[in-house]
Amino acid sequence: MSDNSLSEDAITINHHAQGQGGRYVANIEGEEAKGYLEWEPKTGLPERDVAEDVRIATHTVVPDEIGGRGIARRLVERFVADARERGFKIVPQCSYVAAKFDENPDWADLRA
């Protein structure tokens, strides 16, 4: 099996605020299709249960035409790097994000 991963300079990941949550978008050099990871803040009732420092990873999507090149992995790695830098925890509701957390025990301190 060959490694089709993109070089570091062939992919740019940007974070965009969306409502109360956000989306990490992977732009791939020479491609129109984009991959993304969406998150939303953890909310709860009553209001006192709302946690501003917890983000729920809800979806990771990579279209077939750009799949198999490590894009989803890079999106999760960026999300995790931001969690470390900004001090928030992650609920890996998305099955792909949950699998990456299971594969990376050094991220355990970031799991909410």
PDB file of N, CA and C in Angstrom:
ATOM      1  N   MET A   1       0.840  -1.175   0.000  1.00  0.00           N
ATOM      2  CA  MET A   1       0.000   0.000   0.000  1.00  0.00           C
ATOM      3  C   MET A   1       0.884   1.236   0.000  1.00  0.00           C
ATOM      4  N   SER A   2       0.658   2.150  -0.902  1.00  0.00           N
ATOM      5  CA  SER A   2       1.484   3.357  -0.969  1.00  0.00           C
ATOM      6  C   SER A   2       0.936   4.442  -0.067  1.00  0.00           C
ATOM      7  N   ASP A   3       1.802   5.329   0.356  1.00  0.00           N
ATOM      8  CA  ASP A   3       1.423   6.449   1.201  1.00  0.00           C
ATOM      9  C   ASP A   3       1.101   7.633   0.296  1.00  0.00           C
ATOM     10  N   ASN A   4      -0.161   8.033   0.276  1.00  0.00           N
ATOM     11  CA  ASN A   4      -0.602   9.142  -0.556  1.00  0.00           C
ATOM     12  C   ASN A   4      -0.709  10.439   0.240  1.00  0.00           C
ATOM     13  N   SER A   5      -0.101  10.506   1.432  1.00  0.00           N
ATOM     14  CA  SER A   5      -0.189  11.699   2.256  1.00  0.00           C
ATOM     15  C   SER A   5       0.373  12.902   1.519  1.00  0.00           C
ATOM     16  N   LEU A   6      -0.235  14.039   1.791  1.00  0.00           N
ATOM     17  CA  LEU A   6       0.194  15.297   1.186  1.00  0.00           C
ATOM     18  C   LEU A   6       1.380  15.871   1.939  1.00  0.00           C
ATOM     19  N   SER A   7       2.226  16.600   1.236  1.00  0.00           N
ATOM     20  CA  SER A   7       3.322  17.291   1.910  1.00  0.00           C
ATOM     21  C   SER A   7       2.740  18.420   2.759  1.00  0.00           C
ATOM     22  N   GLU A   8       3.502  18.849   3.745  1.00  0.00           N
ATOM     23  CA  GLU A   8       3.041  19.897   4.655  1.00  0.00           C
ATOM     24  C   GLU A   8       2.608  21.166   3.921  1.00  0.00           C
ATOM     25  N   ASP A   9       3.320  21.533   2.861  1.00  0.00           N
ATOM     26  CA  ASP A   9       3.006  22.773   2.164  1.00  0.00           C
ATOM     27  C   ASP A   9       1.881  22.632   1.134  1.00  0.00           C
ATOM     28  N   ALA A  10       1.358  21.430   0.917  1.00  0.00           N
ATOM     29  CA  ALA A  10       0.280  21.220  -0.050  1.00  0.00           C
ATOM     30  C   ALA A  10      -1.102  21.361   0.584  1.00  0.00           C
ATOM     31  N   ILE A  11      -1.155  21.485   1.900  1.00  0.00           N
ATOM     32  CA  ILE A  11      -2.429  21.593   2.602  1.00  0.00           C
ATOM     33  C   ILE A  11      -2.375  22.750   3.592  1.00  0.00           C
ATOM     34  N   THR A  12      -3.457  23.518   3.604  1.00  0.00           N
ATOM     35  CA  THR A  12      -3.595  24.620   4.547  1.00  0.00           C
ATOM     36  C   THR A  12      -4.885  24.398   5.317  1.00  0.00           C
ATOM     37  N   ILE A  13      -4.804  24.446   6.632  1.00  0.00           N
ATOM     38  CA  ILE A  13      -5.993  24.275   7.453  1.00  0.00           C
ATOM     39  C   ILE A  13      -6.285  25.587   8.163  1.00  0.00           C
ATOM     40  N   ASN A  14      -7.499  26.069   7.947  1.00  0.00           N
ATOM     41  CA  ASN A  14      -7.946  27.316   8.567  1.00  0.00           C
ATOM     42  C   ASN A  14      -9.135  27.029   9.462  1.00  0.00           C
ATOM     43  N   HIS A  15      -9.233  27.808  10.531  1.00  0.00           N
ATOM     44  CA  HIS A  15     -10.374  27.690  11.434  1.00  0.00           C
ATOM     45  C   HIS A  15     -11.323  28.846  11.165  1.00  0.00           C
ATOM     46  N   HIS A  16     -12.614  28.525  11.051  1.00  0.00           N
ATOM     47  CA  HIS A  16     -13.643  29.531  10.806  1.00  0.00           C
ATOM     48  C   HIS A  16     -14.705  29.404  11.889  1.00  0.00           C
ATOM     49  N   ALA A  17     -15.033  30.506  12.551  1.00  0.00           N
ATOM     50  CA  ALA A  17     -16.121  30.510  13.525  1.00  0.00           C
ATOM     51  C   ALA A  17     -17.432  30.376  12.770  1.00  0.00           C
ATOM     52  N   GLN A  18     -18.347  29.580  13.310  1.00  0.00           N
ATOM     53  CA  GLN A  18     -19.667  29.392  12.724  1.00  0.00           C
ATOM     54  C   GLN A  18     -20.671  29.380  13.859  1.00  0.00           C
ATOM     55  N   GLY A  19     -21.447  30.440  13.995  1.00  0.00           N
ATOM     56  CA  GLY A  19     -22.376  30.528  15.110  1.00  0.00           C
ATOM     57  C   GLY A  19     -21.597  30.467  16.408  1.00  0.00           C
ATOM     58  N   GLN A  20     -21.976  29.551  17.293  1.00  0.00           N
ATOM     59  CA  GLN A  20     -21.241  29.377  18.545  1.00  0.00           C
ATOM     60  C   GLN A  20     -20.120  28.360  18.405  1.00  0.00           C
ATOM     61  N   GLY A  21     -20.078  27.655  17.299  1.00  0.00           N
ATOM     62  CA  GLY A  21     -19.068  26.631  17.083  1.00  0.00           C
ATOM     63  C   GLY A  21     -18.066  27.045  16.029  1.00  0.00           C
ATOM     64  N   GLY A  22     -17.566  26.046  15.303  1.00  0.00           N
ATOM     65  CA  GLY A  22     -16.584  26.350  14.278  1.00  0.00           C
ATOM     66  C   GLY A  22     -16.337  25.198  13.339  1.00  0.00           C
ATOM     67  N   ARG A  23     -15.506  25.485  12.360  1.00  0.00           N
ATOM     68  CA  ARG A  23     -15.168  24.499  11.341  1.00  0.00           C
ATOM     69  C   ARG A  23     -13.711  24.693  10.961  1.00  0.00           C
ATOM     70  N   TYR A  24     -12.964  23.591  10.964  1.00  0.00           N
ATOM     71  CA  TYR A  24     -11.596  23.578  10.441  1.00  0.00           C
ATOM     72  C   TYR A  24     -11.715  23.121   8.994  1.00  0.00           C
ATOM     73  N   VAL A  25     -11.188  23.905   8.077  1.00  0.00           N
ATOM     74  CA  VAL A  25     -11.317  23.605   6.655  1.00  0.00           C
ATOM     75  C   VAL A  25      -9.934  23.342   6.071  1.00  0.00           C
ATOM     76  N   ALA A  26      -9.789  22.211   5.380  1.00  0.00           N
ATOM     77  CA  ALA A  26      -8.538  21.839   4.723  1.00  0.00           C
ATOM     78  C   ALA A  26      -8.612  22.239   3.254  1.00  0.00           C
ATOM     79  N   ASN A  27      -7.738  23.133   2.871  1.00  0.00           N
ATOM     80  CA  ASN A  27      -7.600  23.543   1.477  1.00  0.00           C
ATOM     81  C   ASN A  27      -6.381  22.834   0.914  1.00  0.00           C
ATOM     82  N   ILE A  28      -6.589  22.128  -0.189  1.00  0.00           N
ATOM     83  CA  ILE A  28      -5.524  21.332  -0.789  1.00  0.00           C
ATOM     84  C   ILE A  28      -5.099  21.989  -2.090  1.00  0.00           C
ATOM     85  N   GLU A  29      -3.803  22.183  -2.209  1.00  0.00           N
ATOM     86  CA  GLU A  29      -3.241  22.813  -3.406  1.00  0.00           C
ATOM     87  C   GLU A  29      -3.693  22.074  -4.663  1.00  0.00           C
ATOM     88  N   GLY A  30      -4.261  22.822  -5.618  1.00  0.00           N
ATOM     89  CA  GLY A  30      -4.673  22.248  -6.890  1.00  0.00           C
ATOM     90  C   GLY A  30      -6.014  21.525  -6.869  1.00  0.00           C
ATOM     91  N   GLU A  31      -6.741  21.583  -5.766  1.00  0.00           N
ATOM     92  CA  GLU A  31      -8.027  20.891  -5.648  1.00  0.00           C
ATOM     93  C   GLU A  31      -9.131  21.874  -5.278  1.00  0.00           C
ATOM     94  N   GLU A  32     -10.307  21.674  -5.830  1.00  0.00           N
ATOM     95  CA  GLU A  32     -11.456  22.494  -5.446  1.00  0.00           C
ATOM     96  C   GLU A  32     -12.143  21.939  -4.204  1.00  0.00           C
ATOM     97  N   ALA A  33     -12.172  20.624  -4.069  1.00  0.00           N
ATOM     98  CA  ALA A  33     -12.826  19.984  -2.925  1.00  0.00           C
ATOM     99  C   ALA A  33     -12.061  20.316  -1.641  1.00  0.00           C
ATOM    100  N   LYS A  34     -12.818  20.401  -0.557  1.00  0.00           N
ATOM    101  CA  LYS A  34     -12.228  20.717   0.742  1.00  0.00           C
ATOM    102  C   LYS A  34     -12.736  19.722   1.781  1.00  0.00           C
ATOM    103  N   GLY A  35     -11.867  19.376   2.713  1.00  0.00           N
ATOM    104  CA  GLY A  35     -12.273  18.557   3.842  1.00  0.00           C
ATOM    105  C   GLY A  35     -12.542  19.461   5.025  1.00  0.00           C
ATOM    106  N   TYR A  36     -13.310  18.975   5.998  1.00  0.00           N
ATOM    107  CA  TYR A  36     -13.565  19.809   7.165  1.00  0.00           C
ATOM    108  C   TYR A  36     -13.860  18.986   8.411  1.00  0.00           C
ATOM    109  N   LEU A  37     -13.639  19.621   9.552  1.00  0.00           N
ATOM    110  CA  LEU A  37     -13.984  19.078  10.858  1.00  0.00           C
ATOM    111  C   LEU A  37     -14.829  20.142  11.538  1.00  0.00           C
ATOM    112  N   GLU A  38     -16.029  19.763  11.973  1.00  0.00           N
ATOM    113  CA  GLU A  38     -16.915  20.713  12.646  1.00  0.00           C
ATOM    114  C   GLU A  38     -16.956  20.428  14.136  1.00  0.00           C
ATOM    115  N   TRP A  39     -17.110  21.501  14.910  1.00  0.00           N
ATOM    116  CA  TRP A  39     -17.248  21.367  16.354  1.00  0.00           C
ATOM    117  C   TRP A  39     -18.316  22.333  16.838  1.00  0.00           C
ATOM    118  N   GLU A  40     -18.848  22.016  18.005  1.00  0.00           N
ATOM    119  CA  GLU A  40     -19.810  22.899  18.663  1.00  0.00           C
ATOM    120  C   GLU A  40     -19.476  22.937  20.146  1.00  0.00           C
ATOM    121  N   PRO A  41     -19.904  23.998  20.826  1.00  0.00           N
ATOM    122  CA  PRO A  41     -19.615  24.064  22.260  1.00  0.00           C
ATOM    123  C   PRO A  41     -20.478  23.063  23.022  1.00  0.00           C
ATOM    124  N   LYS A  42     -19.957  22.602  24.143  1.00  0.00           N
ATOM    125  CA  LYS A  42     -20.762  21.716  24.984  1.00  0.00           C
ATOM    126  C   LYS A  42     -21.787  22.587  25.692  1.00  0.00           C
ATOM    127  N   THR A  43     -23.022  22.188  25.598  1.00  0.00           N
ATOM    128  CA  THR A  43     -24.098  22.913  26.261  1.00  0.00           C
ATOM    129  C   THR A  43     -24.848  21.953  27.155  1.00  0.00           C
ATOM    130  N   GLY A  44     -25.621  22.512  28.016  1.00  0.00           N
ATOM    131  CA  GLY A  44     -26.392  21.654  28.906  1.00  0.00           C
ATOM    132  C   GLY A  44     -27.463  22.436  29.619  1.00  0.00           C
ATOM    133  N   LEU A  45     -28.339  21.708  30.216  1.00  0.00           N
ATOM    134  CA  LEU A  45     -29.380  22.311  31.042  1.00  0.00           C
ATOM    135  C   LEU A  45     -29.220  21.736  32.430  1.00  0.00           C
ATOM    136  N   PRO A  46     -29.315  22.505  33.444  1.00  0.00           N
ATOM    137  CA  PRO A  46     -29.516  23.954  33.415  1.00  0.00           C
ATOM    138  C   PRO A  46     -28.281  24.686  32.886  1.00  0.00           C
ATOM    139  N   GLU A  47     -28.425  25.978  32.677  1.00  0.00           N
ATOM    140  CA  GLU A  47     -27.363  26.816  32.101  1.00  0.00           C
ATOM    141  C   GLU A  47     -26.020  26.649  32.811  1.00  0.00           C
ATOM    142  N   ARG A  48     -26.023  26.353  34.076  1.00  0.00           N
ATOM    143  CA  ARG A  48     -24.755  26.246  34.817  1.00  0.00           C
ATOM    144  C   ARG A  48     -23.899  25.088  34.305  1.00  0.00           C
ATOM    145  N   ASP A  49     -24.504  24.159  33.551  1.00  0.00           N
ATOM    146  CA  ASP A  49     -23.765  23.018  33.031  1.00  0.00           C
ATOM    147  C   ASP A  49     -23.050  23.307  31.711  1.00  0.00           C
ATOM    148  N   VAL A  50     -23.240  24.504  31.165  1.00  0.00           N
ATOM    149  CA  VAL A  50     -22.578  24.861  29.911  1.00  0.00           C
ATOM    150  C   VAL A  50     -21.087  25.030  30.196  1.00  0.00           C
ATOM    151  N   ALA A  51     -20.257  24.370  29.413  1.00  0.00           N
ATOM    152  CA  ALA A  51     -18.811  24.414  29.616  1.00  0.00           C
ATOM    153  C   ALA A  51     -18.160  25.139  28.446  1.00  0.00           C
ATOM    154  N   GLU A  52     -17.671  26.342  28.679  1.00  0.00           N
ATOM    155  CA  GLU A  52     -17.035  27.117  27.617  1.00  0.00           C
ATOM    156  C   GLU A  52     -15.709  26.517  27.178  1.00  0.00           C
ATOM    157  N   ASP A  53     -15.108  25.716  28.040  1.00  0.00           N
ATOM    158  CA  ASP A  53     -13.795  25.164  27.710  1.00  0.00           C
ATOM    159  C   ASP A  53     -13.877  23.734  27.180  1.00  0.00           C
ATOM    160  N   VAL A  54     -15.067  23.325  26.692  1.00  0.00           N
ATOM    161  CA  VAL A  54     -15.241  21.994  26.119  1.00  0.00           C
ATOM    162  C   VAL A  54     -15.881  22.145  24.741  1.00  0.00           C
ATOM    163  N   ARG A  55     -15.258  21.504  23.750  1.00  0.00           N
ATOM    164  CA  ARG A  55     -15.766  21.532  22.383  1.00  0.00           C
ATOM    165  C   ARG A  55     -16.065  20.107  21.929  1.00  0.00           C
ATOM    166  N   ILE A  56     -17.199  19.931  21.291  1.00  0.00           N
ATOM    167  CA  ILE A  56     -17.624  18.623  20.807  1.00  0.00           C
ATOM    168  C   ILE A  56     -17.282  18.509  19.325  1.00  0.00           C
ATOM    169  N   ALA A  57     -16.443  17.548  18.976  1.00  0.00           N
ATOM    170  CA  ALA A  57     -16.134  17.277  17.568  1.00  0.00           C
ATOM    171  C   ALA A  57     -17.316  16.493  17.010  1.00  0.00           C
ATOM    172  N   THR A  58     -18.085  17.120  16.111  1.00  0.00           N
ATOM    173  CA  THR A  58     -19.319  16.507  15.630  1.00  0.00           C
ATOM    174  C   THR A  58     -19.184  15.773  14.297  1.00  0.00           C
ATOM    175  N   HIS A  59     -18.395  16.307  13.378  1.00  0.00           N
ATOM    176  CA  HIS A  59     -18.275  15.706  12.046  1.00  0.00           C
ATOM    177  C   HIS A  59     -16.883  15.936  11.480  1.00  0.00           C
ATOM    178  N   THR A  60     -16.373  14.935  10.802  1.00  0.00           N
ATOM    179  CA  THR A  60     -15.168  15.086   9.986  1.00  0.00           C
ATOM    180  C   THR A  60     -15.540  14.543   8.612  1.00  0.00           C
ATOM    181  N   VAL A  61     -15.382  15.393   7.590  1.00  0.00           N
ATOM    182  CA  VAL A  61     -15.804  15.028   6.246  1.00  0.00           C
ATOM    183  C   VAL A  61     -14.676  15.312   5.254  1.00  0.00           C
ATOM    184  N   VAL A  62     -14.344  14.298   4.472  1.00  0.00           N
ATOM    185  CA  VAL A  62     -13.374  14.454   3.388  1.00  0.00           C
ATOM    186  C   VAL A  62     -14.006  13.839   2.142  1.00  0.00           C
ATOM    187  N   PRO A  63     -14.282  14.662   1.122  1.00  0.00           N
ATOM    188  CA  PRO A  63     -14.881  14.127  -0.104  1.00  0.00           C
ATOM    189  C   PRO A  63     -13.995  13.055  -0.742  1.00  0.00           C
ATOM    190  N   ASP A  64     -14.645  12.101  -1.417  1.00  0.00           N
ATOM    191  CA  ASP A  64     -13.927  10.994  -2.050  1.00  0.00           C
ATOM    192  C   ASP A  64     -12.798  11.453  -2.964  1.00  0.00           C
ATOM    193  N   GLU A  65     -13.027  12.534  -3.711  1.00  0.00           N
ATOM    194  CA  GLU A  65     -12.019  12.962  -4.687  1.00  0.00           C
ATOM    195  C   GLU A  65     -10.703  13.420  -4.046  1.00  0.00           C
ATOM    196  N   ILE A  66     -10.715  13.702  -2.756  1.00  0.00           N
ATOM    197  CA  ILE A  66      -9.461  14.077  -2.085  1.00  0.00           C
ATOM    198  C   ILE A  66      -9.146  13.136  -0.927  1.00  0.00           C
ATOM    199  N   GLY A  67      -9.886  12.046  -0.830  1.00  0.00           N
ATOM    200  CA  GLY A  67      -9.706  11.100   0.264  1.00  0.00           C
ATOM    201  C   GLY A  67      -8.427  10.278   0.142  1.00  0.00           C
ATOM    202  N   GLY A  68      -8.072   9.620   1.234  1.00  0.00           N
ATOM    203  CA  GLY A  68      -6.924   8.723   1.249  1.00  0.00           C
ATOM    204  C   GLY A  68      -5.575   9.404   1.261  1.00  0.00           C
ATOM    205  N   ARG A  69      -5.549  10.693   1.598  1.00  0.00           N
ATOM    206  CA  ARG A  69      -4.278  11.432   1.596  1.00  0.00           C
ATOM    207  C   ARG A  69      -3.924  12.020   2.959  1.00  0.00           C
ATOM    208  N   GLY A  70      -4.584  11.548   4.006  1.00  0.00           N
ATOM    209  CA  GLY A  70      -4.244  12.007   5.351  1.00  0.00           C
ATOM    210  C   GLY A  70      -4.887  13.320   5.750  1.00  0.00           C
ATOM    211  N   ILE A  71      -5.891  13.762   5.012  1.00  0.00           N
ATOM    212  CA  ILE A  71      -6.516  15.056   5.297  1.00  0.00           C
ATOM    213  C   ILE A  71      -7.292  15.025   6.611  1.00  0.00           C
ATOM    214  N   ALA A  72      -8.102  13.991   6.817  1.00  0.00           N
ATOM    215  CA  ALA A  72      -8.877  13.890   8.055  1.00  0.00           C
ATOM    216  C   ALA A  72      -7.944  13.861   9.268  1.00  0.00           C
ATOM    217  N   ARG A  73      -6.871  13.093   9.165  1.00  0.00           N
ATOM    218  CA  ARG A  73      -5.894  13.025  10.267  1.00  0.00           C
ATOM    219  C   ARG A  73      -5.330  14.411  10.576  1.00  0.00           C
ATOM    220  N   ARG A  74      -4.992  15.149   9.540  1.00  0.00           N
ATOM    221  CA  ARG A  74      -4.422  16.482   9.745  1.00  0.00           C
ATOM    222  C   ARG A  74      -5.436  17.441  10.368  1.00  0.00           C
ATOM    223  N   LEU A  75      -6.697  17.308   9.986  1.00  0.00           N
ATOM    224  CA  LEU A  75      -7.730  18.139  10.599  1.00  0.00           C
ATOM    225  C   LEU A  75      -7.824  17.878  12.097  1.00  0.00           C
ATOM    226  N   VAL A  76      -7.815  16.600  12.472  1.00  0.00           N
ATOM    227  CA  VAL A  76      -7.892  16.247  13.892  1.00  0.00           C
ATOM    228  C   VAL A  76      -6.643  16.729  14.626  1.00  0.00           C
ATOM    229  N   GLU A  77      -5.477  16.551  14.021  1.00  0.00           N
ATOM    230  CA  GLU A  77      -4.234  17.009  14.656  1.00  0.00           C
ATOM    231  C   GLU A  77      -4.257  18.515  14.890  1.00  0.00           C
ATOM    232  N   ARG A  78      -4.809  19.275  13.954  1.00  0.00           N
ATOM    233  CA  ARG A  78      -4.900  20.732  14.135  1.00  0.00           C
ATOM    234  C   ARG A  78      -5.848  21.068  15.277  1.00  0.00           C
ATOM    235  N   PHE A  79      -6.991  20.366  15.348  1.00  0.00           N
ATOM    236  CA  PHE A  79      -7.953  20.573  16.417  1.00  0.00           C
ATOM    237  C   PHE A  79      -7.313  20.284  17.777  1.00  0.00           C
ATOM    238  N   VAL A  80      -6.580  19.199  17.856  1.00  0.00           N
ATOM    239  CA  VAL A  80      -5.891  18.818  19.093  1.00  0.00           C
ATOM    240  C   VAL A  80      -4.818  19.849  19.447  1.00  0.00           C
ATOM    241  N   ALA A  81      -4.057  20.314  18.458  1.00  0.00           N
ATOM    242  CA  ALA A  81      -3.028  21.335  18.711  1.00  0.00           C
ATOM    243  C   ALA A  81      -3.663  22.608  19.249  1.00  0.00           C
ATOM    244  N   ASP A  82      -4.802  22.999  18.690  1.00  0.00           N
ATOM    245  CA  ASP A  82      -5.497  24.190  19.190  1.00  0.00           C
ATOM    246  C   ASP A  82      -6.001  23.975  20.612  1.00  0.00           C
ATOM    247  N   ALA A  83      -6.475  22.760  20.912  1.00  0.00           N
ATOM    248  CA  ALA A  83      -6.928  22.457  22.274  1.00  0.00           C
ATOM    249  C   ALA A  83      -5.782  22.626  23.266  1.00  0.00           C
ATOM    250  N   ARG A  84      -4.603  22.135  22.906  1.00  0.00           N
ATOM    251  CA  ARG A  84      -3.433  22.290  23.793  1.00  0.00           C
ATOM    252  C   ARG A  84      -3.070  23.760  23.955  1.00  0.00           C
ATOM    253  N   GLU A  85      -3.048  24.484  22.857  1.00  0.00           N
ATOM    254  CA  GLU A  85      -2.632  25.886  22.880  1.00  0.00           C
ATOM    255  C   GLU A  85      -3.642  26.786  23.597  1.00  0.00           C
ATOM    256  N   ARG A  86      -4.922  26.503  23.412  1.00  0.00           N
ATOM    257  CA  ARG A  86      -5.963  27.397  23.940  1.00  0.00           C
ATOM    258  C   ARG A  86      -6.601  26.898  25.231  1.00  0.00           C
ATOM    259  N   GLY A  87      -6.267  25.672  25.631  1.00  0.00           N
ATOM    260  CA  GLY A  87      -6.736  25.167  26.912  1.00  0.00           C
ATOM    261  C   GLY A  87      -8.162  24.645  26.954  1.00  0.00           C
ATOM    262  N   PHE A  88      -8.664  24.092  25.859  1.00  0.00           N
ATOM    263  CA  PHE A  88      -9.992  23.487  25.912  1.00  0.00           C
ATOM    264  C   PHE A  88      -9.895  21.970  25.818  1.00  0.00           C
ATOM    265  N   LYS A  89     -10.959  21.301  26.212  1.00  0.00           N
ATOM    266  CA  LYS A  89     -11.061  19.845  26.142  1.00  0.00           C
ATOM    267  C   LYS A  89     -11.967  19.477  24.972  1.00  0.00           C
ATOM    268  N   ILE A  90     -11.876  18.212  24.552  1.00  0.00           N
ATOM    269  CA  ILE A  90     -12.614  17.749  23.388  1.00  0.00           C
ATOM    270  C   ILE A  90     -13.481  16.541  23.750  1.00  0.00           C
ATOM    271  N   VAL A  91     -14.733  16.585  23.305  1.00  0.00           N
ATOM    272  CA  VAL A  91     -15.609  15.419  23.339  1.00  0.00           C
ATOM    273  C   VAL A  91     -15.580  14.854  21.921  1.00  0.00           C
ATOM    274  N   PRO A  92     -14.964  13.696  21.713  1.00  0.00           N
ATOM    275  CA  PRO A  92     -14.862  13.137  20.360  1.00  0.00           C
ATOM    276  C   PRO A  92     -16.126  12.385  19.948  1.00  0.00           C
ATOM    277  N   GLN A  93     -17.201  13.131  19.693  1.00  0.00           N
ATOM    278  CA  GLN A  93     -18.471  12.526  19.280  1.00  0.00           C
ATOM    279  C   GLN A  93     -18.375  11.917  17.886  1.00  0.00           C
ATOM    280  N   CYS A  94     -17.630  12.551  17.004  1.00  0.00           N
ATOM    281  CA  CYS A  94     -17.387  12.025  15.659  1.00  0.00           C
ATOM    282  C   CYS A  94     -16.589  10.725  15.782  1.00  0.00           C
ATOM    283  N   SER A  95     -17.019   9.684  15.077  1.00  0.00           N
ATOM    284  CA  SER A  95     -16.357   8.387  15.206  1.00  0.00           C
ATOM    285  C   SER A  95     -14.899   8.431  14.748  1.00  0.00           C
ATOM    286  N   TYR A  96     -14.592   9.237  13.747  1.00  0.00           N
ATOM    287  CA  TYR A  96     -13.205   9.327  13.282  1.00  0.00           C
ATOM    288  C   TYR A  96     -12.332   9.987  14.348  1.00  0.00           C
ATOM    289  N   VAL A  97     -12.815  11.064  14.936  1.00  0.00           N
ATOM    290  CA  VAL A  97     -12.054  11.750  15.987  1.00  0.00           C
ATOM    291  C   VAL A  97     -11.882  10.815  17.182  1.00  0.00           C
ATOM    292  N   ALA A  98     -12.924  10.076  17.540  1.00  0.00           N
ATOM    293  CA  ALA A  98     -12.831   9.125  18.654  1.00  0.00           C
ATOM    294  C   ALA A  98     -11.774   8.061  18.366  1.00  0.00           C
ATOM    295  N   ALA A  99     -11.725   7.560  17.139  1.00  0.00           N
ATOM    296  CA  ALA A  99     -10.727   6.556  16.772  1.00  0.00           C
ATOM    297  C   ALA A  99      -9.314   7.127  16.887  1.00  0.00           C
ATOM    298  N   LYS A 100      -9.123   8.373  16.474  1.00  0.00           N
ATOM    299  CA  LYS A 100      -7.802   9.004  16.569  1.00  0.00           C
ATOM    300  C   LYS A 100      -7.406   9.198  18.036  1.00  0.00           C
ATOM    301  N   PHE A 101      -8.359   9.541  18.893  1.00  0.00           N
ATOM    302  CA  PHE A 101      -8.061   9.647  20.323  1.00  0.00           C
ATOM    303  C   PHE A 101      -7.632   8.292  20.869  1.00  0.00           C
ATOM    304  N   ASP A 102      -8.304   7.219  20.441  1.00  0.00           N
ATOM    305  CA  ASP A 102      -7.939   5.877  20.898  1.00  0.00           C
ATOM    306  C   ASP A 102      -6.536   5.485  20.429  1.00  0.00           C
ATOM    307  N   GLU A 103      -6.140   5.937  19.236  1.00  0.00           N
ATOM    308  CA  GLU A 103      -4.818   5.630  18.680  1.00  0.00           C
ATOM    309  C   GLU A 103      -3.702   6.482  19.291  1.00  0.00           C
ATOM    310  N   ASN A 104      -4.067   7.566  19.965  1.00  0.00           N
ATOM    311  CA  ASN A 104      -3.083   8.501  20.509  1.00  0.00           C
ATOM    312  C   ASN A 104      -3.292   8.692  22.005  1.00  0.00           C
ATOM    313  N   PRO A 105      -2.813   7.773  22.820  1.00  0.00           N
ATOM    314  CA  PRO A 105      -3.028   7.869  24.264  1.00  0.00           C
ATOM    315  C   PRO A 105      -2.450   9.150  24.883  1.00  0.00           C
ATOM    316  N   ASP A 106      -1.521   9.801  24.198  1.00  0.00           N
ATOM    317  CA  ASP A 106      -0.960  11.053  24.721  1.00  0.00           C
ATOM    318  C   ASP A 106      -1.959  12.215  24.603  1.00  0.00           C
ATOM    319  N   TRP A 107      -3.107  11.982  23.990  1.00  0.00           N
ATOM    320  CA  TRP A 107      -4.162  12.997  23.921  1.00  0.00           C
ATOM    321  C   TRP A 107      -5.176  12.820  25.042  1.00  0.00           C
ATOM    322  N   ALA A 108      -5.038  11.800  25.873  1.00  0.00           N
ATOM    323  CA  ALA A 108      -6.040  11.477  26.885  1.00  0.00           C
ATOM    324  C   ALA A 108      -6.368  12.664  27.802  1.00  0.00           C
ATOM    325  N   ASP A 109      -5.388  13.496  28.063  1.00  0.00           N
ATOM    326  CA  ASP A 109      -5.630  14.647  28.943  1.00  0.00           C
ATOM    327  C   ASP A 109      -6.530  15.694  28.299  1.00  0.00           C
ATOM    328  N   LEU A 110      -6.763  15.593  26.999  1.00  0.00           N
ATOM    329  CA  LEU A 110      -7.618  16.544  26.292  1.00  0.00           C
ATOM    330  C   LEU A 110      -9.053  16.036  26.122  1.00  0.00           C
ATOM    331  N   ARG A 111      -9.280  14.773  26.476  1.00  0.00           N
ATOM    332  CA  ARG A 111     -10.632  14.211  26.316  1.00  0.00           C
ATOM    333  C   ARG A 111     -11.515  14.672  27.485  1.00  0.00           C
ATOM    334  N   ALA A 112     -12.670  15.226  27.130  1.00  0.00           N
ATOM    335  CA  ALA A 112     -13.599  15.689  28.166  1.00  0.00           C
ATOM    336  C   ALA A 112     -14.518  14.551  28.586  1.00  0.00           C
TER     337      ALA A 112
END
